[in-house]
Amino acid sequence: MPRLIQPLDTGDPLGPLPQEFAAIMRPELPSLIKEIGMEVTRAYPEYARLLNGPNGTSIRLGVEQSLSSFVDLVAEPSSPTVLRDDMCRRFGRFEAYEGRTMDALQGAYRLGARVALRRAKKVGRSYNFSPALMLSFADALFAYVDELESLSREGYLEVQAQSDQQSEAVRRRLLHLILTGRPVPRSAIAELCEQTGWTLPEQVTLVAVRAPSGLDRISADPDVLIDPADPQPHLLIPGPMNDARREMLDRTITGGGAAIGLTVPTALAADSIRWARRVLELVDAGVIDDAPVILCEDHLITLWLLSDPALLDQLAERELAAVSGISATRRERLVETLRIWLDTRGTAAQMGELLDVHPQTVRYRMRSLEAIFGDQLTDPESRFSTEAVLRALQLRARSGQSLN
């Protein structure tokens, strides 16, 4: 039978919670977090959108951290709260960047406290909590929520001091205008630049971020244009990438997963972001090896060869027409031998090592290829086309797509 827990005798009917109370509260946290999430998103639909967006994971971690920290403080009043404090300030900053007042966030905090108090009453009945203990719990809980609100307000005011919400909205419009990919009157961009105090650079570098990785606007350099709410998060960095900008990206992109586009004239910004997003697609397809940050400039040939899948199919049909009537197994062996020869121009012995066959087998296959392809292997232009197609097909094969 659950034992009776009494509040400590401090001479005050609303004294501190007994430390062992944390052991009872902690198992309730996972389901309590879900319950609070449902109640808050029902009361504040805008938070439902955010939880399903690129910053959803960070928001959930913040909620978990806030509740876990309360239990930690009950178990050990000297527990550090640095991580919790930082998360609360981030919530406040985010509200400011979204152009909202603090009302919704404060309401969400207080609603969460009411849900937690409701759960405590239910648990309290099972453990025969005394009325004095429940009063102590309620007093401690709402004092804790006041502290969370105060921390979030600090973050909110910090953002407001740096840039008002109208300026940030104008900066997002400026970013979208630069990335339209269509000729835009220079006067329109100049007007937005004047409103925001942003200097139009000669060159820009675009960075595509893989969702659900988030973007921490407060960590980005002041001259970086960013739209954290976009379904395909991205940043525009004036000028080329350098070590300082790379360090900034590490701070700004929460969760990793980004591709850095080429540095291009500002008028070609749409191309830079298009290439960066294509690199992320090829990573997801298994063509390009994954990494926290990937440079487009390291994969230009891959981007070029796989830029038009339908055209690649047509080229492959044309360039490999000579072996189309051969059995699949023999065709595969011949095409692989041809690719190795075009790649290496090696001897029969060298190619045999790569193909794991006897050099005499390589010689036989090469004679067959010369007989089948004829001038296609001696004419430089035809040979280049064939080599490009075979390299593209090899890249595409890494993703498991059809070669035909």
Protein backbone atom coordinates (compact mmCIF):
# COMPACT_ATOMS: atom_id res chain seq x y z
CA MET A 1 0.00 0.00 0.00
CA PRO A 2 1.46 3.44 -0.91
CA ARG A 3 2.94 5.12 2.13
CA LEU A 4 1.84 8.50 3.40
CA ILE A 5 4.28 11.32 2.61
CA GLN A 6 4.13 14.39 4.82
CA PRO A 7 5.75 17.77 4.11
CA LEU A 8 8.83 18.64 6.08
CA ASP A 9 8.23 20.49 9.32
CA THR A 10 9.67 23.93 8.56
CA GLY A 11 7.30 25.99 10.65
CA ASP A 12 5.59 27.11 7.42
CA PRO A 13 2.47 25.28 6.12
CA LEU A 14 3.89 25.72 2.60
CA GLY A 15 7.35 24.38 3.27
CA PRO A 16 9.77 22.81 0.72
CA LEU A 17 8.91 19.51 -0.93
CA PRO A 18 10.58 16.41 0.54
CA GLN A 19 13.39 15.17 -1.71
CA GLU A 20 11.93 11.65 -1.97
CA PHE A 21 8.94 13.22 -3.71
CA ALA A 22 11.11 13.36 -6.86
CA ALA A 23 11.20 9.55 -7.06
CA ILE A 24 7.40 9.51 -7.29
CA MET A 25 7.25 12.31 -9.87
CA ARG A 26 9.95 11.10 -12.25
CA PRO A 27 8.10 8.03 -13.69
CA GLU A 28 5.18 10.32 -14.53
CA LEU A 29 7.25 12.59 -16.77
CA PRO A 30 7.01 10.79 -20.18
CA SER A 31 3.22 10.57 -20.17
CA LEU A 32 2.88 14.00 -18.53
CA ILE A 33 4.97 15.59 -21.30
CA LYS A 34 2.65 14.06 -23.92
CA GLU A 35 -0.44 15.23 -22.06
CA ILE A 36 0.89 18.76 -21.75
CA GLY A 37 1.79 18.76 -25.45
CA MET A 38 -1.75 17.77 -26.44
CA GLU A 39 -3.35 20.35 -24.16
CA VAL A 40 -1.06 23.17 -25.27
CA THR A 41 -1.41 22.49 -29.01
CA ARG A 42 -5.19 22.27 -28.61
CA ALA A 43 -5.30 25.64 -26.85
CA TYR A 44 -2.61 27.26 -29.02
CA PRO A 45 -2.77 25.89 -32.61
CA GLU A 46 0.29 27.88 -33.65
CA TYR A 47 2.41 25.60 -31.46
CA ALA A 48 1.06 22.52 -33.26
CA ARG A 49 2.51 23.93 -36.50
CA LEU A 50 5.85 24.61 -34.83
CA LEU A 51 6.05 21.12 -33.30
CA ASN A 52 5.62 19.62 -36.76
CA GLY A 53 8.12 22.02 -38.32
CA PRO A 54 11.93 22.10 -38.53
CA ASN A 55 12.25 23.30 -34.92
CA GLY A 56 9.87 20.68 -33.48
CA THR A 57 12.60 18.48 -32.00
CA SER A 58 14.26 21.42 -30.24
CA ILE A 59 10.91 22.56 -28.79
CA ARG A 60 10.13 19.09 -27.44
CA LEU A 61 13.58 18.85 -25.88
CA GLY A 62 13.01 22.21 -24.25
CA VAL A 63 9.72 21.10 -22.71
CA GLU A 64 11.31 17.87 -21.47
CA GLN A 65 14.24 19.80 -20.03
CA SER A 66 11.95 22.23 -18.18
CA LEU A 67 9.93 19.45 -16.53
CA SER A 68 12.97 17.28 -15.78
CA SER A 69 14.75 20.24 -14.21
CA PHE A 70 11.82 20.76 -11.79
CA VAL A 71 12.10 17.17 -10.61
CA ASP A 72 15.90 17.45 -10.38
CA LEU A 73 15.56 20.52 -8.17
CA VAL A 74 13.17 18.68 -5.87
CA ALA A 75 15.65 15.79 -5.60
CA GLU A 76 18.62 18.12 -5.20
CA PRO A 77 17.94 21.87 -4.77
CA SER A 78 21.49 22.72 -5.87
CA SER A 79 21.08 21.00 -9.28
CA PRO A 80 22.44 23.14 -12.16
CA THR A 81 19.85 24.80 -14.41
CA VAL A 82 22.14 26.18 -17.12
CA LEU A 83 20.65 24.06 -19.89
CA ARG A 84 17.08 24.79 -18.78
CA ASP A 85 17.78 28.52 -18.54
CA ASP A 86 19.23 28.55 -22.05
CA MET A 87 16.25 26.68 -23.49
CA CYS A 88 13.77 29.06 -21.87
CA ARG A 89 15.60 32.08 -23.25
CA ARG A 90 15.54 30.43 -26.68
CA PHE A 91 11.77 30.04 -26.42
CA GLY A 92 11.49 33.74 -25.75
CA ARG A 93 13.78 34.60 -28.65
CA PHE A 94 11.76 32.38 -30.95
CA GLU A 95 8.51 34.09 -30.01
CA ALA A 96 10.07 37.44 -30.87
CA TYR A 97 11.37 36.20 -34.22
CA GLU A 98 7.93 34.81 -35.03
CA GLY A 99 6.43 38.24 -34.42
CA ARG A 100 4.27 37.18 -31.47
CA THR A 101 3.87 38.71 -28.04
CA MET A 102 4.77 36.78 -24.89
CA ASP A 103 1.08 36.13 -24.15
CA ALA A 104 0.88 32.78 -25.92
CA LEU A 105 4.08 31.43 -24.36
CA GLN A 106 3.05 32.57 -20.88
CA GLY A 107 -0.35 30.96 -21.39
CA ALA A 108 1.31 27.72 -22.51
CA TYR A 109 3.53 27.68 -19.42
CA ARG A 110 0.59 28.20 -17.10
CA LEU A 111 -1.55 25.65 -18.90
CA GLY A 112 1.28 23.15 -18.54
CA ALA A 113 1.41 23.90 -14.81
CA ARG A 114 -2.32 23.26 -14.47
CA VAL A 115 -1.98 19.93 -16.27
CA ALA A 116 0.92 18.98 -14.00
CA LEU A 117 -1.07 19.96 -10.90
CA ARG A 118 -4.02 17.88 -12.10
CA ARG A 119 -1.69 14.89 -12.50
CA ALA A 120 -0.20 15.48 -9.05
CA LYS A 121 -3.64 15.41 -7.47
CA LYS A 122 -4.36 12.10 -9.18
CA VAL A 123 -1.06 10.62 -8.01
CA GLY A 124 -1.58 12.16 -4.59
CA ARG A 125 -4.74 10.18 -4.06
CA SER A 126 -2.81 6.97 -4.69
CA TYR A 127 -0.12 7.91 -2.18
CA ASN A 128 -2.44 9.57 0.34
CA PHE A 129 -0.66 12.91 0.04
CA SER A 130 -1.62 15.32 2.78
CA PRO A 131 -3.35 18.60 1.90
CA ALA A 132 -0.31 20.48 3.16
CA LEU A 133 1.95 18.56 0.77
CA MET A 134 -0.34 19.32 -2.18
CA LEU A 135 -0.33 23.00 -1.24
CA SER A 136 3.47 22.92 -1.09
CA PHE A 137 3.57 21.27 -4.50
CA ALA A 138 1.25 23.84 -6.07
CA ASP A 139 3.18 26.72 -4.52
CA ALA A 140 6.54 25.34 -5.74
CA LEU A 141 5.17 24.56 -9.20
CA PHE A 142 3.74 28.00 -9.91
CA ALA A 143 6.84 29.70 -8.47
CA TYR A 144 8.87 27.56 -10.89
CA VAL A 145 6.64 28.59 -13.81
CA ASP A 146 7.16 32.24 -12.88
CA GLU A 147 10.89 31.60 -13.14
CA LEU A 148 10.51 30.00 -16.59
CA GLU A 149 8.46 32.94 -17.80
CA SER A 150 11.07 35.38 -16.52
CA LEU A 151 13.85 33.56 -18.36
CA SER A 152 11.85 33.49 -21.60
CA ARG A 153 11.12 37.19 -21.26
CA GLU A 154 14.86 37.82 -21.09
CA GLY A 155 15.33 36.09 -24.44
CA TYR A 156 12.36 37.91 -25.92
CA LEU A 157 13.62 41.34 -24.90
CA GLU A 158 17.11 40.47 -26.11
CA VAL A 159 15.79 39.93 -29.64
CA GLN A 160 13.66 43.04 -29.56
CA ALA A 161 16.72 45.07 -28.61
CA GLN A 162 18.65 43.73 -31.60
CA SER A 163 16.01 44.02 -34.28
CA ASP A 164 12.31 44.71 -34.17
CA GLN A 165 9.92 42.21 -35.70
CA GLN A 166 9.12 44.38 -38.72
CA SER A 167 12.78 44.51 -39.72
CA GLU A 168 13.04 40.72 -39.51
CA ALA A 169 9.96 40.28 -41.70
CA VAL A 170 11.44 42.64 -44.27
CA ARG A 171 14.69 40.65 -44.23
CA ARG A 172 12.73 37.48 -45.00
CA ARG A 173 11.01 39.21 -47.91
CA LEU A 174 14.40 40.36 -49.13
CA LEU A 175 15.71 36.78 -48.99
CA HIS A 176 12.72 35.46 -50.92
CA LEU A 177 13.08 38.18 -53.54
CA ILE A 178 16.75 37.38 -54.12
CA LEU A 179 15.91 33.67 -54.52
CA THR A 180 13.00 34.05 -56.93
CA GLY A 181 15.24 33.02 -59.81
CA ARG A 182 13.57 35.62 -62.03
CA PRO A 183 14.82 39.07 -63.03
CA VAL A 184 13.77 41.43 -60.26
CA PRO A 185 13.86 45.21 -60.55
CA ARG A 186 16.99 46.35 -58.76
CA SER A 187 14.98 49.18 -57.22
CA ALA A 188 12.76 46.66 -55.37
CA ILE A 189 15.76 44.97 -53.76
CA ALA A 190 17.42 48.33 -53.06
CA GLU A 191 14.30 49.51 -51.22
CA LEU A 192 14.26 46.47 -48.94
CA CYS A 193 18.00 46.80 -48.33
CA GLU A 194 17.47 50.39 -47.26
CA GLN A 195 14.66 49.42 -44.89
CA THR A 196 16.76 46.76 -43.17
CA GLY A 197 20.18 48.36 -43.38
CA TRP A 198 21.44 45.32 -45.27
CA THR A 199 24.17 45.89 -47.86
CA LEU A 200 23.62 44.03 -51.12
CA PRO A 201 26.81 42.00 -51.72
CA GLU A 202 28.38 41.22 -55.08
CA GLN A 203 28.55 37.51 -54.22
CA VAL A 204 26.58 35.18 -51.96
CA THR A 205 26.80 31.62 -50.68
CA LEU A 206 23.58 29.71 -50.07
CA VAL A 207 23.28 26.90 -47.53
CA ALA A 208 20.52 24.28 -47.65
CA VAL A 209 19.57 22.65 -44.36
CA ARG A 210 18.03 19.20 -44.16
CA ALA A 211 14.79 19.16 -42.15
CA PRO A 212 14.13 18.44 -39.33
CA SER A 213 17.36 20.22 -38.43
CA GLY A 214 16.54 23.60 -36.97
CA LEU A 215 18.04 27.06 -37.36
CA ASP A 216 18.95 29.14 -34.34
CA ARG A 217 18.56 32.70 -35.64
CA ILE A 218 20.22 34.26 -32.63
CA SER A 219 23.45 32.34 -33.38
CA ALA A 220 23.63 33.49 -37.02
CA ASP A 221 25.82 36.43 -38.01
CA PRO A 222 23.85 39.71 -38.22
CA ASP A 223 24.35 40.02 -41.99
CA VAL A 224 23.07 36.49 -42.74
CA LEU A 225 19.58 36.24 -44.22
CA ILE A 226 17.62 33.32 -42.85
CA ASP A 227 14.08 31.96 -42.85
CA PRO A 228 13.84 29.32 -40.11
CA ALA A 229 10.13 28.72 -40.73
CA ASP A 230 10.56 27.71 -44.39
CA PRO A 231 9.74 24.01 -45.10
CA GLN A 232 13.21 23.84 -46.71
CA PRO A 233 15.34 25.84 -44.26
CA HIS A 234 18.18 27.83 -45.79
CA LEU A 235 20.61 30.67 -45.20
CA LEU A 236 22.10 33.33 -47.44
CA ILE A 237 25.65 34.28 -46.48
CA PRO A 238 27.12 37.42 -48.05
CA GLY A 239 30.42 36.66 -49.76
CA PRO A 240 32.37 33.40 -49.80
CA MET A 241 32.55 30.75 -47.11
CA ASN A 242 35.47 30.98 -44.68
CA ASP A 243 36.47 29.49 -41.33
CA ALA A 244 34.52 32.06 -39.31
CA ARG A 245 31.37 31.41 -41.33
CA ARG A 246 31.80 27.66 -40.90
CA GLU A 247 31.96 28.07 -37.13
CA MET A 248 28.84 30.21 -37.31
CA LEU A 249 27.04 27.45 -39.24
CA ASP A 250 27.93 24.91 -36.55
CA ARG A 251 26.29 27.16 -33.94
CA THR A 252 23.28 28.06 -36.07
CA ILE A 253 22.25 24.68 -37.52
CA THR A 254 20.84 22.57 -34.72
CA GLY A 255 21.04 18.88 -35.49
CA GLY A 256 23.48 19.06 -38.41
CA GLY A 257 22.75 18.13 -42.00
CA ALA A 258 23.53 20.92 -44.43
CA ALA A 259 24.94 21.46 -47.92
CA ILE A 260 26.93 24.57 -48.77
CA GLY A 261 26.24 25.81 -52.28
CA LEU A 262 28.71 27.52 -54.57
CA THR A 263 29.64 31.16 -54.07
CA VAL A 264 28.01 32.96 -56.99
CA PRO A 265 27.06 36.48 -58.11
CA THR A 266 24.02 37.57 -56.13
CA ALA A 267 21.84 37.42 -59.26
CA LEU A 268 22.56 33.66 -59.42
CA ALA A 269 21.64 32.93 -55.79
CA ALA A 270 18.75 30.68 -56.90
CA ASP A 271 21.26 28.40 -58.66
CA SER A 272 23.41 28.09 -55.55
CA ILE A 273 20.50 26.98 -53.36
CA ARG A 274 19.21 24.66 -56.10
CA TRP A 275 22.55 22.86 -56.29
CA ALA A 276 22.81 22.65 -52.50
CA ARG A 277 19.34 21.10 -52.22
CA ARG A 278 20.16 18.66 -55.02
CA VAL A 279 23.23 17.51 -53.07
CA LEU A 280 21.02 16.75 -50.06
CA GLU A 281 18.69 14.76 -52.33
CA LEU A 282 21.65 12.72 -53.60
CA VAL A 283 22.79 12.13 -50.02
CA ASP A 284 19.33 10.82 -49.15
CA ALA A 285 19.46 8.60 -52.26
CA GLY A 286 22.80 7.14 -51.17
CA VAL A 287 24.74 8.57 -54.12
CA ILE A 288 26.81 11.02 -52.05
CA ASP A 289 28.22 10.02 -48.66
CA ASP A 290 26.52 11.74 -45.74
CA ALA A 291 28.30 14.22 -43.48
CA PRO A 292 27.21 16.98 -41.08
CA VAL A 293 28.18 19.63 -43.65
CA ILE A 294 28.76 18.89 -47.34
CA LEU A 295 30.40 21.20 -49.89
CA CYS A 296 28.75 21.32 -53.31
CA GLU A 297 32.10 22.15 -54.86
CA ASP A 298 33.29 18.64 -53.94
CA HIS A 299 30.51 17.05 -56.04
CA LEU A 300 30.18 19.19 -59.17
CA ILE A 301 30.73 16.33 -61.62
CA THR A 302 28.15 14.21 -59.81
CA LEU A 303 25.66 17.10 -59.91
CA TRP A 304 26.28 17.55 -63.61
CA LEU A 305 26.07 13.87 -64.56
CA LEU A 306 22.83 13.36 -62.60
CA SER A 307 21.23 16.72 -63.38
CA ASP A 308 18.65 15.25 -65.79
CA PRO A 309 17.69 11.60 -65.15
CA ALA A 310 15.43 11.39 -68.19
CA LEU A 311 18.16 12.69 -70.47
CA LEU A 312 20.60 10.20 -68.94
CA ASP A 313 18.22 7.39 -69.87
CA GLN A 314 18.16 8.61 -73.46
CA LEU A 315 21.95 8.93 -73.62
CA ALA A 316 22.45 5.48 -72.11
CA GLU A 317 20.10 3.96 -74.66
CA ARG A 318 22.06 5.62 -77.48
CA GLU A 319 25.59 5.02 -76.21
CA LEU A 320 24.98 1.39 -75.21
CA ALA A 321 22.82 0.47 -78.19
CA ALA A 322 25.60 -1.78 -79.51
CA VAL A 323 25.20 -4.21 -76.59
CA SER A 324 21.42 -4.00 -76.27
CA GLY A 325 20.89 -7.33 -78.02
CA ILE A 326 23.34 -9.28 -75.85
CA SER A 327 22.24 -11.37 -72.88
CA ALA A 328 22.00 -9.42 -69.62
CA THR A 329 24.84 -11.29 -67.88
CA ARG A 330 27.30 -10.92 -70.74
CA ARG A 331 26.25 -7.29 -71.31
CA GLU A 332 26.89 -6.48 -67.67
CA ARG A 333 30.39 -7.99 -67.79
CA LEU A 334 31.30 -6.22 -71.00
CA VAL A 335 29.98 -2.84 -69.85
CA GLU A 336 31.85 -3.12 -66.55
CA THR A 337 35.06 -4.01 -68.40
CA LEU A 338 34.52 -1.07 -70.74
CA ARG A 339 34.00 1.29 -67.81
CA ILE A 340 37.20 0.11 -66.11
CA TRP A 341 39.15 0.55 -69.36
CA LEU A 342 37.78 4.05 -69.92
CA ASP A 343 38.55 4.97 -66.30
CA THR A 344 42.08 3.56 -66.14
CA ARG A 345 43.37 2.86 -69.67
CA GLY A 346 45.21 0.12 -67.80
CA THR A 347 46.90 -3.05 -68.97
CA ALA A 348 45.09 -6.38 -69.05
CA ALA A 349 46.85 -7.34 -65.81
CA GLN A 350 45.86 -4.12 -64.05
CA MET A 351 42.28 -4.36 -65.23
CA GLY A 352 42.14 -8.03 -64.29
CA GLU A 353 43.02 -7.09 -60.72
CA LEU A 354 40.22 -4.56 -60.56
CA LEU A 355 37.71 -6.92 -62.15
CA ASP A 356 38.99 -9.98 -60.25
CA VAL A 357 39.43 -11.96 -63.46
CA HIS A 358 42.39 -13.42 -65.38
CA PRO A 359 44.21 -11.01 -67.76
CA GLN A 360 43.39 -13.33 -70.63
CA THR A 361 39.70 -12.87 -69.83
CA VAL A 362 40.21 -9.09 -70.03
CA ARG A 363 41.88 -9.42 -73.43
CA TYR A 364 39.01 -11.53 -74.71
CA ARG A 365 36.45 -9.02 -73.48
CA MET A 366 38.36 -6.09 -74.99
CA ARG A 367 38.47 -7.80 -78.38
CA SER A 368 34.71 -8.34 -78.12
CA LEU A 369 34.17 -4.69 -77.19
CA GLU A 370 36.30 -3.47 -80.10
CA ALA A 371 34.31 -5.67 -82.46
CA ILE A 372 30.95 -4.56 -81.03
CA PHE A 373 31.57 -0.81 -80.61
CA GLY A 374 34.03 -0.25 -83.48
CA ASP A 375 34.73 3.45 -84.09
CA GLN A 376 32.78 4.44 -80.98
CA LEU A 377 35.86 3.53 -78.92
CA THR A 378 38.41 5.25 -81.18
CA ASP A 379 36.58 8.51 -81.92
CA PRO A 380 37.41 10.94 -79.04
CA GLU A 381 33.98 12.57 -78.95
CA SER A 382 32.09 9.29 -79.00
CA ARG A 383 34.42 7.79 -76.40
CA PHE A 384 33.88 10.77 -74.09
CA SER A 385 30.08 10.43 -74.38
CA THR A 386 30.25 6.74 -73.56
CA GLU A 387 32.52 7.34 -70.57
CA ALA A 388 30.26 10.09 -69.20
CA VAL A 389 27.20 7.86 -69.47
CA LEU A 390 28.92 4.93 -67.74
CA ARG A 391 30.09 7.14 -64.89
CA ALA A 392 26.59 8.57 -64.45
CA LEU A 393 25.06 5.10 -64.45
CA GLN A 394 27.58 3.94 -61.85
CA LEU A 395 26.69 6.90 -59.61
CA ARG A 396 22.99 6.29 -60.01
CA ALA A 397 23.41 2.59 -59.26
CA ARG A 398 24.58 3.53 -55.76
CA SER A 399 21.05 4.69 -54.99
CA GLY A 400 19.51 1.43 -56.21
CA GLN A 401 17.72 3.11 -59.13
CA SER A 402 17.18 1.38 -62.44
CA LEU A 403 20.00 1.73 -64.95
CA ASN A 404 17.64 1.70 -67.89
